N, C-alpha and C. Protein backbone atom coordinates (compact mmCIF):
# COMPACT_ATOMS: atom_id res chain seq x y z
N UNK A 1 0.69 -1.02 -0.04
CA UNK A 1 -0.17 -0.15 0.05
C UNK A 1 0.89 1.16 -0.01
N UNK A 2 0.29 2.27 -0.68
CA UNK A 2 1.03 3.46 -0.79
C UNK A 2 1.00 4.56 0.52
N UNK A 3 1.70 5.18 0.87
CA UNK A 3 1.47 5.90 1.90
C UNK A 3 1.10 7.33 1.16
N UNK A 4 0.90 8.03 2.32
CA UNK A 4 -0.03 9.60 1.66
C UNK A 4 0.62 10.56 2.82
N UNK A 5 0.75 11.76 2.60
CA UNK A 5 1.27 12.63 3.57
C UNK A 5 0.23 13.83 3.47
N UNK A 6 -0.39 14.12 4.41
CA UNK A 6 -1.41 15.35 4.96
C UNK A 6 -0.35 16.53 5.02
N UNK A 7 -1.17 17.86 4.70
CA UNK A 7 -0.43 18.89 4.68
C UNK A 7 -1.00 19.53 6.08
N UNK A 8 -0.54 20.75 6.42
CA UNK A 8 -0.90 21.15 7.90
C UNK A 8 -2.31 21.68 7.70
N UNK A 9 -2.56 21.99 6.61
CA UNK A 9 -3.93 22.80 6.03
C UNK A 9 -4.93 21.66 6.32
N UNK A 10 -4.46 20.24 5.54
CA UNK A 10 -5.43 19.31 5.74
C UNK A 10 -5.61 18.73 7.06
N UNK A 11 -4.53 18.75 8.03
CA UNK A 11 -4.48 18.32 9.20
C UNK A 11 -5.73 19.07 9.89
N UNK A 12 -5.48 20.33 9.81
CA UNK A 12 -6.67 21.55 10.17
C UNK A 12 -7.79 21.33 9.93
N UNK A 13 -8.29 21.07 8.67
CA UNK A 13 -9.48 20.73 7.94
C UNK A 13 -10.10 19.52 8.81
N UNK A 14 -9.20 18.48 8.73
CA UNK A 14 -10.00 17.15 9.53
C UNK A 14 -10.19 17.54 10.76
N UNK A 15 -9.56 18.50 11.62
CA UNK A 15 -9.93 18.44 12.99
C UNK A 15 -10.95 19.52 13.06
N UNK A 16 -11.02 20.39 12.27
CA UNK A 16 -12.21 21.28 12.11
C UNK A 16 -13.48 20.57 11.74
N UNK A 17 -13.70 19.59 10.85
CA UNK A 17 -14.64 18.85 10.56
C UNK A 17 -15.14 18.04 11.79
N UNK A 18 -13.78 17.36 12.57
CA UNK A 18 -14.23 16.65 13.64
C UNK A 18 -14.86 17.50 14.55
N UNK A 19 -14.23 18.86 15.05
CA UNK A 19 -15.12 19.41 15.99
C UNK A 19 -16.34 19.91 15.97
N UNK A 20 -16.60 20.23 14.67
CA UNK A 20 -18.09 20.83 14.22
C UNK A 20 -19.04 19.40 14.38
N UNK A 21 -18.71 18.33 14.13
CA UNK A 21 -19.76 17.12 13.89
C UNK A 21 -19.65 16.84 15.57
N UNK A 22 -18.63 16.94 16.32
CA UNK A 22 -18.63 16.52 17.70
C UNK A 22 -19.28 17.11 18.67
N UNK A 23 -19.84 18.58 18.04
CA UNK A 23 -20.92 19.22 18.98
C UNK A 23 -22.01 18.31 19.23
N UNK A 24 -22.34 17.56 18.09
CA UNK A 24 -23.54 16.84 18.41
C UNK A 24 -23.53 15.49 18.80
N UNK A 25 -22.29 14.86 18.47
CA UNK A 25 -22.00 13.35 18.76
C UNK A 25 -20.50 13.10 18.25
N UNK A 26 -19.63 12.85 19.22
CA UNK A 26 -18.44 12.52 19.25
C UNK A 26 -17.94 11.20 18.52
N UNK A 27 -19.27 10.14 18.56
CA UNK A 27 -19.11 9.02 18.00
C UNK A 27 -19.27 9.13 16.58
N UNK A 28 -20.22 10.24 15.82
CA UNK A 28 -20.34 10.56 14.34
C UNK A 28 -19.24 11.13 14.20
N UNK A 29 -18.54 12.06 14.76
CA UNK A 29 -17.34 12.92 14.50
C UNK A 29 -16.32 11.74 14.02
N UNK A 30 -16.40 10.92 15.07
CA UNK A 30 -15.13 9.45 14.65
C UNK A 30 -15.09 9.14 13.73
N UNK A 31 -16.71 8.80 13.26
CA UNK A 31 -16.98 7.76 11.93
C UNK A 31 -16.51 8.64 10.89
N UNK A 32 -16.85 10.02 10.60
CA UNK A 32 -16.44 10.88 9.67
C UNK A 32 -15.02 10.87 9.48
N UNK A 33 -14.34 10.87 10.53
CA UNK A 33 -12.87 11.09 10.41
C UNK A 33 -12.17 9.92 10.03
N UNK A 34 -12.67 8.65 10.47
CA UNK A 34 -12.00 7.25 9.90
C UNK A 34 -12.57 7.16 8.37
N UNK A 35 -13.45 7.63 7.88
CA UNK A 35 -13.93 7.42 6.48
C UNK A 35 -12.95 8.57 5.63
N UNK A 36 -12.36 9.76 6.35
CA UNK A 36 -11.58 10.42 5.38
C UNK A 36 -10.22 9.69 5.44
N UNK A 37 -9.86 9.16 6.63
CA UNK A 37 -8.53 8.30 6.49
C UNK A 37 -8.76 7.28 5.66
N UNK A 38 -9.43 6.38 5.70
CA UNK A 38 -9.85 5.44 4.79
C UNK A 38 -9.62 5.73 3.52
N UNK A 39 -10.30 6.91 2.67
CA UNK A 39 -10.27 7.41 1.67
C UNK A 39 -9.10 7.59 1.54
N UNK A 40 -8.62 8.59 2.01
CA UNK A 40 -6.90 8.57 1.97
C UNK A 40 -6.05 7.42 1.60
N UNK A 41 -5.91 6.49 2.49
CA UNK A 41 -5.32 4.94 1.99
C UNK A 41 -5.78 4.80 0.66
N UNK A 42 -7.13 4.73 0.56
CA UNK A 42 -7.59 4.08 -0.71
C UNK A 42 -7.00 4.93 -2.02
N UNK A 43 -7.08 6.45 -1.81
CA UNK A 43 -6.67 7.03 -2.97
C UNK A 43 -5.12 6.82 -3.23
N UNK A 44 -4.23 6.78 -2.07
CA UNK A 44 -2.89 6.47 -2.34
C UNK A 44 -2.39 5.29 -2.98
N UNK A 45 -3.30 4.34 -2.58
CA UNK A 45 -3.13 3.05 -3.53
C UNK A 45 -2.92 3.20 -4.89
N UNK A 46 -4.04 4.11 -5.43
CA UNK A 46 -4.24 4.06 -6.76
C UNK A 46 -4.84 5.70 -6.94
N UNK A 47 -3.57 6.58 -6.96
CA UNK A 47 -3.92 7.92 -6.99
C UNK A 47 -4.80 8.57 -7.99
N UNK A 48 -5.04 7.95 -9.21
CA UNK A 48 -5.85 8.56 -10.32
C UNK A 48 -7.31 8.31 -10.30
N UNK A 49 -7.80 7.71 -9.15
CA UNK A 49 -9.15 7.04 -9.03
C UNK A 49 -10.16 8.37 -8.86
N UNK A 50 -9.57 9.43 -8.37
CA UNK A 50 -10.57 10.70 -8.19
C UNK A 50 -10.28 11.19 -9.88
N UNK A 51 -11.10 12.31 -10.00
CA UNK A 51 -11.10 13.08 -11.04
C UNK A 51 -10.85 14.52 -10.81
N UNK A 52 -10.73 15.04 -12.06
CA UNK A 52 -10.02 16.58 -12.10
C UNK A 52 -11.17 17.45 -12.25
N UNK A 53 -10.67 18.49 -11.73
CA UNK A 53 -12.07 19.77 -11.90
C UNK A 53 -11.24 21.02 -12.90
N UNK A 54 -11.19 20.93 -13.82
CA UNK A 54 -10.67 21.98 -14.61
C UNK A 54 -11.73 23.12 -14.64
N UNK A 55 -12.50 23.33 -14.32
CA UNK A 55 -13.70 23.97 -13.64
C UNK A 55 -13.44 24.90 -12.82
N UNK A 56 -12.44 24.35 -11.73
CA UNK A 56 -12.19 24.96 -10.46
C UNK A 56 -10.87 25.27 -10.45
N UNK A 57 -9.85 24.50 -11.07
CA UNK A 57 -8.35 24.75 -10.82
C UNK A 57 -8.03 24.19 -12.05
N UNK A 58 -6.56 24.74 -12.63
CA UNK A 58 -5.61 24.46 -13.38
C UNK A 58 -4.47 23.62 -12.74
N UNK A 59 -4.39 23.51 -11.61
CA UNK A 59 -3.65 22.65 -10.77
C UNK A 59 -3.82 21.20 -10.92
N UNK A 60 -2.78 20.33 -10.88
CA UNK A 60 -2.97 19.00 -10.92
C UNK A 60 -3.56 18.47 -9.60
N UNK A 61 -4.65 18.61 -9.53
CA UNK A 61 -5.45 18.05 -8.07
C UNK A 61 -6.64 17.19 -8.65
N UNK A 62 -6.72 16.09 -7.83
CA UNK A 62 -7.89 15.31 -8.21
C UNK A 62 -8.79 15.33 -6.85
N UNK A 63 -10.02 14.92 -7.26
CA UNK A 63 -11.00 15.30 -6.34
C UNK A 63 -11.91 13.88 -5.92
N UNK A 64 -12.32 13.52 -4.52
CA UNK A 64 -13.08 12.42 -4.55
C UNK A 64 -13.95 12.57 -3.35
N UNK A 65 -15.06 12.48 -3.73
CA UNK A 65 -16.22 12.72 -2.45
C UNK A 65 -16.48 11.40 -1.85
N UNK A 66 -16.55 11.65 -0.75
CA UNK A 66 -16.80 10.36 0.30
C UNK A 66 -18.13 9.78 0.07
N UNK A 67 -18.09 8.60 -0.42
CA UNK A 67 -19.26 7.72 -0.72
C UNK A 67 -20.40 7.81 0.53
N UNK A 68 -19.97 7.70 1.97
CA UNK A 68 -20.70 7.36 3.05
C UNK A 68 -21.08 9.01 3.39
N UNK A 69 -20.48 9.87 3.11
CA UNK A 69 -20.74 11.28 3.46
C UNK A 69 -20.34 12.31 2.41
N UNK A 70 -21.51 12.25 1.54
CA UNK A 70 -21.10 12.85 0.34
C UNK A 70 -21.17 14.71 0.43
N UNK A 71 -21.30 14.99 1.69
CA UNK A 71 -20.88 16.29 1.92
C UNK A 71 -19.55 16.67 2.02
N UNK A 72 -18.34 15.59 1.87
CA UNK A 72 -17.12 15.57 2.09
C UNK A 72 -16.53 15.17 1.01
N UNK A 73 -15.28 16.20 0.52
CA UNK A 73 -14.63 16.01 -0.81
C UNK A 73 -13.03 15.94 -0.39
N UNK A 74 -12.52 14.77 -0.53
CA UNK A 74 -10.99 14.89 -0.39
C UNK A 74 -10.39 15.56 -1.74
N UNK A 75 -9.55 16.33 -1.62
CA UNK A 75 -8.80 17.09 -2.57
C UNK A 75 -7.33 16.94 -2.55
N UNK A 76 -6.69 16.09 -3.56
CA UNK A 76 -5.55 15.93 -3.34
C UNK A 76 -4.71 15.79 -4.55
N UNK A 77 -3.33 15.78 -4.38
CA UNK A 77 -2.28 15.96 -5.62
C UNK A 77 -1.84 14.48 -5.72
N UNK A 78 -2.17 13.70 -6.85
CA UNK A 78 -1.51 12.34 -6.70
C UNK A 78 -0.19 12.26 -6.66
């Protein structure tokens, strides 16, 4: 399995997501956080799984929306 590295901004985003959800339920926040990390591992194994968004950026970024939590999208550089 390939490794991945999170930027400091990504780590802060994950913490902010967890904190927001945890206001209502820490268990739910933990589930979403785990799903984010699972998606990162999944994408690291085959980095072109996501899709590009030329309408949003010219940078070589890929986007992957979490299946179980479609309000959250992982944006990454392969």
